[in-house]
Every structure is written in structure tokens, then in C-alpha cells.
Amino acid sequence: MCIDEDDHLWVAFYGASKVGCFDPETGQQLAEIEVPAQNTTSCAFGGEDLETLYITSARADENDKWGGNLFEVKPGVRGNKADFFKDT
């Protein structure tokens, strides 16, 4: 899961070939990105301007052509910059 600049939650759905974007206040699904791999495992914003959503996947078996690949898409929204914490 990850959060975009509008505080919307992006969730990878294992076994469903998709990533969904949700409004955390209402629970409404705002967007859906289909992925050719069956098992999406995670998603994160990256790239120079955090405008690319990277999606990882798991391979189901040797016949799963797209499983285990990394996908990228520009969903039209940017991610948030990560906060780093200093160990004390």
C-alpha cells in the first residue's frame, strides 16, 4: 500500500490482477489499474517527481507469463515524499 499527494490509499490486490485507489474517509474506490500479472503484491510511488506508480507481482507457477515482473504506470497523481527518522 502507499498514499498519494491527495491522501488517497493505493492498494495492490493479490490474486485480482489490479491495484485500487481509495478515499480513506469514505471508502469509495476512485481508480483501478489492471495489471497483466494475477498476483499483485505491492505498490509504491517513485521516480524523479514521484509521478510513477511501481507495482510488483508474484509468480503463481511456470505458466504465469507476467508474474514476478515489475510494472510502472503514471496514474495522474504524485506520491508523497518519504519521511526519514534519525535514530537517537
PDB file of N, CA and C in Angstrom:
ATOM      1  N   MET A   1       0.837  -1.181   0.000  1.00  0.00           N
ATOM      2  CA  MET A   1       0.000   0.000   0.000  1.00  0.00           C
ATOM      3  C   MET A   1       0.884   1.247   0.000  1.00  0.00           C
ATOM      4  N   CYS A   2       0.330   2.322  -0.503  1.00  0.00           N
ATOM      5  CA  CYS A   2       1.008   3.611  -0.437  1.00  0.00           C
ATOM      6  C   CYS A   2      -0.055   4.712  -0.497  1.00  0.00           C
ATOM      7  N   ILE A   3       0.393   5.927  -0.208  1.00  0.00           N
ATOM      8  CA  ILE A   3      -0.518   7.073  -0.156  1.00  0.00           C
ATOM      9  C   ILE A   3      -0.034   8.130  -1.140  1.00  0.00           C
ATOM     10  N   ASP A   4      -0.967   8.750  -1.859  1.00  0.00           N
ATOM     11  CA  ASP A   4      -0.597   9.780  -2.833  1.00  0.00           C
ATOM     12  C   ASP A   4      -0.704  11.175  -2.217  1.00  0.00           C
ATOM     13  N   GLU A   5      -0.401  12.187  -3.030  1.00  0.00           N
ATOM     14  CA  GLU A   5      -0.386  13.573  -2.563  1.00  0.00           C
ATOM     15  C   GLU A   5      -1.760  14.064  -2.098  1.00  0.00           C
ATOM     16  N   ASP A   6      -2.826  13.384  -2.496  1.00  0.00           N
ATOM     17  CA  ASP A   6      -4.183  13.751  -2.078  1.00  0.00           C
ATOM     18  C   ASP A   6      -4.653  12.922  -0.886  1.00  0.00           C
ATOM     19  N   ASP A   7      -3.719  12.201  -0.273  1.00  0.00           N
ATOM     20  CA  ASP A   7      -4.004  11.316   0.866  1.00  0.00           C
ATOM     21  C   ASP A   7      -4.927  10.155   0.512  1.00  0.00           C
ATOM     22  N   HIS A   8      -4.918   9.740  -0.749  1.00  0.00           N
ATOM     23  CA  HIS A   8      -5.673   8.560  -1.164  1.00  0.00           C
ATOM     24  C   HIS A   8      -4.784   7.332  -1.035  1.00  0.00           C
ATOM     25  N   LEU A   9      -5.400   6.229  -0.694  1.00  0.00           N
ATOM     26  CA  LEU A   9      -4.700   4.974  -0.442  1.00  0.00           C
ATOM     27  C   LEU A   9      -4.701   4.102  -1.682  1.00  0.00           C
ATOM     28  N   TRP A  10      -3.505   3.643  -2.087  1.00  0.00           N
ATOM     29  CA  TRP A  10      -3.350   2.736  -3.223  1.00  0.00           C
ATOM     30  C   TRP A  10      -3.040   1.357  -2.675  1.00  0.00           C
ATOM     31  N   VAL A  11      -3.798   0.353  -3.121  1.00  0.00           N
ATOM     32  CA  VAL A  11      -3.694  -1.000  -2.572  1.00  0.00           C
ATOM     33  C   VAL A  11      -3.525  -2.013  -3.700  1.00  0.00           C
ATOM     34  N   ALA A  12      -2.526  -2.891  -3.583  1.00  0.00           N
ATOM     35  CA  ALA A  12      -2.345  -3.998  -4.527  1.00  0.00           C
ATOM     36  C   ALA A  12      -3.192  -5.170  -4.039  1.00  0.00           C
ATOM     37  N   PHE A  13      -3.953  -5.765  -4.952  1.00  0.00           N
ATOM     38  CA  PHE A  13      -4.840  -6.876  -4.610  1.00  0.00           C
ATOM     39  C   PHE A  13      -4.252  -8.195  -5.107  1.00  0.00           C
ATOM     40  N   TYR A  14      -3.733  -8.981  -4.189  1.00  0.00           N
ATOM     41  CA  TYR A  14      -3.151 -10.275  -4.525  1.00  0.00           C
ATOM     42  C   TYR A  14      -4.246 -11.197  -5.064  1.00  0.00           C
ATOM     43  N   GLY A  15      -3.996 -11.796  -6.214  1.00  0.00           N
ATOM     44  CA  GLY A  15      -4.969 -12.708  -6.815  1.00  0.00           C
ATOM     45  C   GLY A  15      -6.019 -12.026  -7.665  1.00  0.00           C
ATOM     46  N   ALA A  16      -5.961 -10.707  -7.791  1.00  0.00           N
ATOM     47  CA  ALA A  16      -7.007  -9.990  -8.516  1.00  0.00           C
ATOM     48  C   ALA A  16      -6.507  -9.185  -9.719  1.00  0.00           C
ATOM     49  N   SER A  17      -5.224  -9.222 -10.002  1.00  0.00           N
ATOM     50  CA  SER A  17      -4.654  -8.532 -11.176  1.00  0.00           C
ATOM     51  C   SER A  17      -4.931  -7.043 -11.202  1.00  0.00           C
ATOM     52  N   LYS A  18      -4.873  -6.398 -10.040  1.00  0.00           N
ATOM     53  CA  LYS A  18      -5.171  -4.966 -10.041  1.00  0.00           C
ATOM     54  C   LYS A  18      -4.599  -4.251  -8.830  1.00  0.00           C
ATOM     55  N   VAL A  19      -4.586  -2.924  -8.966  1.00  0.00           N
ATOM     56  CA  VAL A  19      -4.294  -2.003  -7.863  1.00  0.00           C
ATOM     57  C   VAL A  19      -5.459  -1.035  -7.827  1.00  0.00           C
ATOM     58  N   GLY A  20      -5.976  -0.778  -6.645  1.00  0.00           N
ATOM     59  CA  GLY A  20      -7.090   0.149  -6.497  1.00  0.00           C
ATOM     60  C   GLY A  20      -6.684   1.367  -5.697  1.00  0.00           C
ATOM     61  N   CYS A  21      -7.330   2.489  -5.976  1.00  0.00           N
ATOM     62  CA  CYS A  21      -7.122   3.734  -5.238  1.00  0.00           C
ATOM     63  C   CYS A  21      -8.404   4.055  -4.480  1.00  0.00           C
ATOM     64  N   PHE A  22      -8.262   4.353  -3.190  1.00  0.00           N
ATOM     65  CA  PHE A  22      -9.428   4.563  -2.328  1.00  0.00           C
ATOM     66  C   PHE A  22      -9.339   5.867  -1.547  1.00  0.00           C
ATOM     67  N   ASP A  23     -10.489   6.464  -1.312  1.00  0.00           N
ATOM     68  CA  ASP A  23     -10.603   7.599  -0.407  1.00  0.00           C
ATOM     69  C   ASP A  23     -10.712   7.016   1.001  1.00  0.00           C
ATOM     70  N   PRO A  24      -9.734   7.253   1.880  1.00  0.00           N
ATOM     71  CA  PRO A  24      -9.769   6.634   3.197  1.00  0.00           C
ATOM     72  C   PRO A  24     -10.899   7.147   4.106  1.00  0.00           C
ATOM     73  N   GLU A  25     -11.442   8.302   3.788  1.00  0.00           N
ATOM     74  CA  GLU A  25     -12.529   8.841   4.615  1.00  0.00           C
ATOM     75  C   GLU A  25     -13.875   8.223   4.277  1.00  0.00           C
ATOM     76  N   THR A  26     -14.107   7.947   2.995  1.00  0.00           N
ATOM     77  CA  THR A  26     -15.410   7.417   2.579  1.00  0.00           C
ATOM     78  C   THR A  26     -15.358   5.934   2.221  1.00  0.00           C
ATOM     79  N   GLY A  27     -14.157   5.423   1.933  1.00  0.00           N
ATOM     80  CA  GLY A  27     -14.009   4.043   1.496  1.00  0.00           C
ATOM     81  C   GLY A  27     -14.321   3.855   0.018  1.00  0.00           C
ATOM     82  N   GLN A  28     -14.675   4.930  -0.670  1.00  0.00           N
ATOM     83  CA  GLN A  28     -15.026   4.853  -2.085  1.00  0.00           C
ATOM     84  C   GLN A  28     -13.794   4.566  -2.930  1.00  0.00           C
ATOM     85  N   GLN A  29     -13.955   3.648  -3.886  1.00  0.00           N
ATOM     86  CA  GLN A  29     -12.869   3.388  -4.820  1.00  0.00           C
ATOM     87  C   GLN A  29     -12.880   4.463  -5.888  1.00  0.00           C
ATOM     88  N   LEU A  30     -11.731   5.106  -6.083  1.00  0.00           N
ATOM     89  CA  LEU A  30     -11.620   6.225  -7.011  1.00  0.00           C
ATOM     90  C   LEU A  30     -11.001   5.841  -8.350  1.00  0.00           C
ATOM     91  N   ALA A  31     -10.160   4.826  -8.343  1.00  0.00           N
ATOM     92  CA  ALA A  31      -9.483   4.405  -9.571  1.00  0.00           C
ATOM     93  C   ALA A  31      -9.091   2.944  -9.452  1.00  0.00           C
ATOM     94  N   GLU A  32      -8.834   2.341 -10.606  1.00  0.00           N
ATOM     95  CA  GLU A  32      -8.383   0.952 -10.639  1.00  0.00           C
ATOM     96  C   GLU A  32      -7.419   0.797 -11.810  1.00  0.00           C
ATOM     97  N   ILE A  33      -6.305   0.146 -11.550  1.00  0.00           N
ATOM     98  CA  ILE A  33      -5.313  -0.123 -12.582  1.00  0.00           C
ATOM     99  C   ILE A  33      -5.214  -1.631 -12.738  1.00  0.00           C
ATOM    100  N   GLU A  34      -5.509  -2.118 -13.942  1.00  0.00           N
ATOM    101  CA  GLU A  34      -5.389  -3.545 -14.210  1.00  0.00           C
ATOM    102  C   GLU A  34      -3.939  -3.871 -14.547  1.00  0.00           C
ATOM    103  N   VAL A  35      -3.489  -5.033 -14.073  1.00  0.00           N
ATOM    104  CA  VAL A  35      -2.123  -5.498 -14.269  1.00  0.00           C
ATOM    105  C   VAL A  35      -2.198  -6.876 -14.928  1.00  0.00           C
ATOM    106  N   PRO A  36      -1.328  -7.172 -15.911  1.00  0.00           N
ATOM    107  CA  PRO A  36      -1.415  -8.481 -16.570  1.00  0.00           C
ATOM    108  C   PRO A  36      -1.020  -9.660 -15.682  1.00  0.00           C
ATOM    109  N   ALA A  37      -0.345  -9.414 -14.587  1.00  0.00           N
ATOM    110  CA  ALA A  37       0.008 -10.490 -13.649  1.00  0.00           C
ATOM    111  C   ALA A  37      -1.163 -10.741 -12.706  1.00  0.00           C
ATOM    112  N   GLN A  38      -1.400 -11.988 -12.373  1.00  0.00           N
ATOM    113  CA  GLN A  38      -2.524 -12.327 -11.493  1.00  0.00           C
ATOM    114  C   GLN A  38      -2.300 -11.842 -10.063  1.00  0.00           C
ATOM    115  N   ASN A  39      -1.074 -11.990  -9.571  1.00  0.00           N
ATOM    116  CA  ASN A  39      -0.810 -11.705  -8.155  1.00  0.00           C
ATOM    117  C   ASN A  39       0.000 -10.427  -7.964  1.00  0.00           C
ATOM    118  N   THR A  40      -0.688  -9.308  -7.802  1.00  0.00           N
ATOM    119  CA  THR A  40       0.000  -8.069  -7.466  1.00  0.00           C
ATOM    120  C   THR A  40       0.333  -8.119  -5.975  1.00  0.00           C
ATOM    121  N   THR A  41       1.525  -7.648  -5.626  1.00  0.00           N
ATOM    122  CA  THR A  41       1.973  -7.793  -4.240  1.00  0.00           C
ATOM    123  C   THR A  41       2.190  -6.479  -3.512  1.00  0.00           C
ATOM    124  N   SER A  42       2.563  -5.431  -4.227  1.00  0.00           N
ATOM    125  CA  SER A  42       2.838  -4.158  -3.565  1.00  0.00           C
ATOM    126  C   SER A  42       2.830  -3.047  -4.599  1.00  0.00           C
ATOM    127  N   CYS A  43       2.748  -1.814  -4.104  1.00  0.00           N
ATOM    128  CA  CYS A  43       2.835  -0.652  -4.985  1.00  0.00           C
ATOM    129  C   CYS A  43       3.487   0.485  -4.224  1.00  0.00           C
ATOM    130  N   ALA A  44       4.215   1.320  -4.963  1.00  0.00           N
ATOM    131  CA  ALA A  44       4.908   2.459  -4.351  1.00  0.00           C
ATOM    132  C   ALA A  44       5.153   3.517  -5.415  1.00  0.00           C
ATOM    133  N   PHE A  45       5.083   4.766  -5.017  1.00  0.00           N
ATOM    134  CA  PHE A  45       5.385   5.859  -5.936  1.00  0.00           C
ATOM    135  C   PHE A  45       6.886   6.081  -5.962  1.00  0.00           C
ATOM    136  N   GLY A  46       7.389   6.402  -7.146  1.00  0.00           N
ATOM    137  CA  GLY A  46       8.807   6.660  -7.291  1.00  0.00           C
ATOM    138  C   GLY A  46       9.070   7.507  -8.516  1.00  0.00           C
ATOM    139  N   GLY A  47      10.332   7.594  -8.871  1.00  0.00           N
ATOM    140  CA  GLY A  47      10.735   8.440  -9.985  1.00  0.00           C
ATOM    141  C   GLY A  47      11.096   9.817  -9.486  1.00  0.00           C
ATOM    142  N   GLU A  48      11.635  10.606 -10.382  1.00  0.00           N
ATOM    143  CA  GLU A  48      12.141  11.922 -10.007  1.00  0.00           C
ATOM    144  C   GLU A  48      11.089  12.814  -9.353  1.00  0.00           C
ATOM    145  N   ASP A  49       9.882  12.815  -9.882  1.00  0.00           N
ATOM    146  CA  ASP A  49       8.807  13.662  -9.347  1.00  0.00           C
ATOM    147  C   ASP A  49       7.739  12.868  -8.609  1.00  0.00           C
ATOM    148  N   LEU A  50       8.028  11.604  -8.286  1.00  0.00           N
ATOM    149  CA  LEU A  50       7.077  10.715  -7.606  1.00  0.00           C
ATOM    150  C   LEU A  50       5.768  10.580  -8.375  1.00  0.00           C
ATOM    151  N   GLU A  51       5.858  10.623  -9.703  1.00  0.00           N
ATOM    152  CA  GLU A  51       4.646  10.525 -10.515  1.00  0.00           C
ATOM    153  C   GLU A  51       4.454   9.147 -11.144  1.00  0.00           C
ATOM    154  N   THR A  52       5.365   8.229 -10.845  1.00  0.00           N
ATOM    155  CA  THR A  52       5.255   6.877 -11.372  1.00  0.00           C
ATOM    156  C   THR A  52       4.870   5.924 -10.247  1.00  0.00           C
ATOM    157  N   LEU A  53       3.853   5.119 -10.497  1.00  0.00           N
ATOM    158  CA  LEU A  53       3.450   4.092  -9.540  1.00  0.00           C
ATOM    159  C   LEU A  53       4.077   2.780  -9.992  1.00  0.00           C
ATOM    160  N   TYR A  54       4.922   2.210  -9.135  1.00  0.00           N
ATOM    161  CA  TYR A  54       5.554   0.925  -9.421  1.00  0.00           C
ATOM    162  C   TYR A  54       4.746  -0.172  -8.734  1.00  0.00           C
ATOM    163  N   ILE A  55       4.506  -1.246  -9.467  1.00  0.00           N
ATOM    164  CA  ILE A  55       3.683  -2.352  -8.969  1.00  0.00           C
ATOM    165  C   ILE A  55       4.482  -3.643  -9.086  1.00  0.00           C
ATOM    166  N   THR A  56       4.634  -4.354  -7.982  1.00  0.00           N
ATOM    167  CA  THR A  56       5.329  -5.637  -8.006  1.00  0.00           C
ATOM    168  C   THR A  56       4.308  -6.767  -8.065  1.00  0.00           C
ATOM    169  N   SER A  57       4.793  -7.929  -8.535  1.00  0.00           N
ATOM    170  CA  SER A  57       3.907  -9.083  -8.648  1.00  0.00           C
ATOM    171  C   SER A  57       4.656 -10.357  -8.274  1.00  0.00           C
ATOM    172  N   ALA A  58       3.900 -11.390  -7.978  1.00  0.00           N
ATOM    173  CA  ALA A  58       4.462 -12.700  -7.643  1.00  0.00           C
ATOM    174  C   ALA A  58       4.081 -13.687  -8.736  1.00  0.00           C
ATOM    175  N   ARG A  59       4.957 -14.629  -8.973  1.00  0.00           N
ATOM    176  CA  ARG A  59       4.701 -15.648  -9.983  1.00  0.00           C
ATOM    177  C   ARG A  59       3.920 -16.808  -9.371  1.00  0.00           C
ATOM    178  N   ALA A  60       2.788 -17.134  -9.972  1.00  0.00           N
ATOM    179  CA  ALA A  60       1.935 -18.210  -9.463  1.00  0.00           C
ATOM    180  C   ALA A  60       2.513 -19.584  -9.797  1.00  0.00           C
ATOM    181  N   ASP A  61       2.968 -19.765 -11.031  1.00  0.00           N
ATOM    182  CA  ASP A  61       3.559 -21.021 -11.481  1.00  0.00           C
ATOM    183  C   ASP A  61       4.316 -20.762 -12.782  1.00  0.00           C
ATOM    184  N   GLU A  62       4.885 -21.808 -13.371  1.00  0.00           N
ATOM    185  CA  GLU A  62       5.693 -21.638 -14.584  1.00  0.00           C
ATOM    186  C   GLU A  62       4.880 -21.181 -15.787  1.00  0.00           C
ATOM    187  N   ASN A  63       3.573 -21.295 -15.747  1.00  0.00           N
ATOM    188  CA  ASN A  63       2.717 -20.833 -16.839  1.00  0.00           C
ATOM    189  C   ASN A  63       2.291 -19.373 -16.682  1.00  0.00           C
ATOM    190  N   ASP A  64       2.649 -18.769 -15.575  1.00  0.00           N
ATOM    191  CA  ASP A  64       2.290 -17.372 -15.300  1.00  0.00           C
ATOM    192  C   ASP A  64       3.281 -16.459 -16.024  1.00  0.00           C
ATOM    193  N   LYS A  65       2.909 -16.038 -17.229  1.00  0.00           N
ATOM    194  CA  LYS A  65       3.805 -15.270 -18.104  1.00  0.00           C
ATOM    195  C   LYS A  65       4.248 -13.939 -17.494  1.00  0.00           C
ATOM    196  N   TRP A  66       3.372 -13.251 -16.796  1.00  0.00           N
ATOM    197  CA  TRP A  66       3.665 -11.906 -16.302  1.00  0.00           C
ATOM    198  C   TRP A  66       4.009 -11.856 -14.818  1.00  0.00           C
ATOM    199  N   GLY A  67       3.759 -12.918 -14.098  1.00  0.00           N
ATOM    200  CA  GLY A  67       4.046 -12.931 -12.666  1.00  0.00           C
ATOM    201  C   GLY A  67       5.529 -12.785 -12.389  1.00  0.00           C
ATOM    202  N   GLY A  68       5.851 -12.087 -11.320  1.00  0.00           N
ATOM    203  CA  GLY A  68       7.232 -11.865 -10.932  1.00  0.00           C
ATOM    204  C   GLY A  68       7.844 -10.635 -11.577  1.00  0.00           C
ATOM    205  N   ASN A  69       7.063  -9.909 -12.348  1.00  0.00           N
ATOM    206  CA  ASN A  69       7.552  -8.706 -13.017  1.00  0.00           C
ATOM    207  C   ASN A  69       7.235  -7.442 -12.229  1.00  0.00           C
ATOM    208  N   LEU A  70       7.937  -6.386 -12.603  1.00  0.00           N
ATOM    209  CA  LEU A  70       7.704  -5.055 -12.054  1.00  0.00           C
ATOM    210  C   LEU A  70       7.022  -4.237 -13.137  1.00  0.00           C
ATOM    211  N   PHE A  71       5.935  -3.562 -12.782  1.00  0.00           N
ATOM    212  CA  PHE A  71       5.179  -2.743 -13.723  1.00  0.00           C
ATOM    213  C   PHE A  71       5.238  -1.292 -13.273  1.00  0.00           C
ATOM    214  N   GLU A  72       5.100  -0.395 -14.233  1.00  0.00           N
ATOM    215  CA  GLU A  72       5.049   1.023 -13.894  1.00  0.00           C
ATOM    216  C   GLU A  72       3.942   1.696 -14.677  1.00  0.00           C
ATOM    217  N   VAL A  73       3.315   2.666 -14.033  1.00  0.00           N
ATOM    218  CA  VAL A  73       2.219   3.404 -14.652  1.00  0.00           C
ATOM    219  C   VAL A  73       2.228   4.820 -14.082  1.00  0.00           C
ATOM    220  N   LYS A  74       1.770   5.767 -14.874  1.00  0.00           N
ATOM    221  CA  LYS A  74       1.630   7.146 -14.398  1.00  0.00           C
ATOM    222  C   LYS A  74       0.139   7.391 -14.198  1.00  0.00           C
ATOM    223  N   PRO A  75      -0.322   7.318 -12.942  1.00  0.00           N
ATOM    224  CA  PRO A  75      -1.763   7.393 -12.684  1.00  0.00           C
ATOM    225  C   PRO A  75      -2.349   8.812 -12.696  1.00  0.00           C
ATOM    226  N   GLY A  76      -1.514   9.830 -12.908  1.00  0.00           N
ATOM    227  CA  GLY A  76      -2.036  11.200 -12.944  1.00  0.00           C
ATOM    228  C   GLY A  76      -2.027  11.892 -11.600  1.00  0.00           C
ATOM    229  N   VAL A  77      -1.379  11.279 -10.637  1.00  0.00           N
ATOM    230  CA  VAL A  77      -1.236  11.861  -9.304  1.00  0.00           C
ATOM    231  C   VAL A  77       0.149  11.480  -8.803  1.00  0.00           C
ATOM    232  N   ARG A  78       0.692  12.275  -7.915  1.00  0.00           N
ATOM    233  CA  ARG A  78       2.027  12.000  -7.378  1.00  0.00           C
ATOM    234  C   ARG A  78       1.934  11.394  -5.995  1.00  0.00           C
ATOM    235  N   GLY A  79       2.996  10.716  -5.632  1.00  0.00           N
ATOM    236  CA  GLY A  79       3.102  10.162  -4.294  1.00  0.00           C
ATOM    237  C   GLY A  79       3.661  11.186  -3.323  1.00  0.00           C
ATOM    238  N   ASN A  80       3.702  10.829  -2.070  1.00  0.00           N
ATOM    239  CA  ASN A  80       4.285  11.674  -1.026  1.00  0.00           C
ATOM    240  C   ASN A  80       5.755  11.320  -0.840  1.00  0.00           C
ATOM    241  N   LYS A  81       6.546  12.312  -0.528  1.00  0.00           N
ATOM    242  CA  LYS A  81       7.946  12.074  -0.227  1.00  0.00           C
ATOM    243  C   LYS A  81       8.014  11.379   1.137  1.00  0.00           C
ATOM    244  N   ALA A  82       8.889  10.400   1.232  1.00  0.00           N
ATOM    245  CA  ALA A  82       9.022   9.635   2.493  1.00  0.00           C
ATOM    246  C   ALA A  82       9.656  10.500   3.577  1.00  0.00           C
ATOM    247  N   ASP A  83       9.206  10.289   4.798  1.00  0.00           N
ATOM    248  CA  ASP A  83       9.811  10.936   5.947  1.00  0.00           C
ATOM    249  C   ASP A  83      10.875  10.007   6.516  1.00  0.00           C
ATOM    250  N   PHE A  84      12.010  10.555   6.819  1.00  0.00           N
ATOM    251  CA  PHE A  84      13.082   9.753   7.407  1.00  0.00           C
ATOM    252  C   PHE A  84      13.278  10.174   8.847  1.00  0.00           C
ATOM    253  N   PHE A  85      13.552   9.209   9.703  1.00  0.00           N
ATOM    254  CA  PHE A  85      13.712   9.468  11.112  1.00  0.00           C
ATOM    255  C   PHE A  85      15.136   9.152  11.524  1.00  0.00           C
ATOM    256  N   LYS A  86      15.663   9.973  12.385  1.00  0.00           N
ATOM    257  CA  LYS A  86      17.019   9.777  12.865  1.00  0.00           C
ATOM    258  C   LYS A  86      16.980   8.921  14.123  1.00  0.00           C
ATOM    259  N   ASP A  87      17.846   7.894  14.145  1.00  0.00           N
ATOM    260  CA  ASP A  87      17.976   7.080  15.354  1.00  0.00           C
ATOM    261  C   ASP A  87      18.654   7.911  16.424  1.00  0.00           C
ATOM    262  N   THR A  88      18.181   7.783  17.646  1.00  0.00           N
ATOM    263  CA  THR A  88      18.806   8.536  18.741  1.00  0.00           C
ATOM    264  C   THR A  88      19.523   7.625  19.698  1.00  0.00           C
TER     265      THR A  88
END
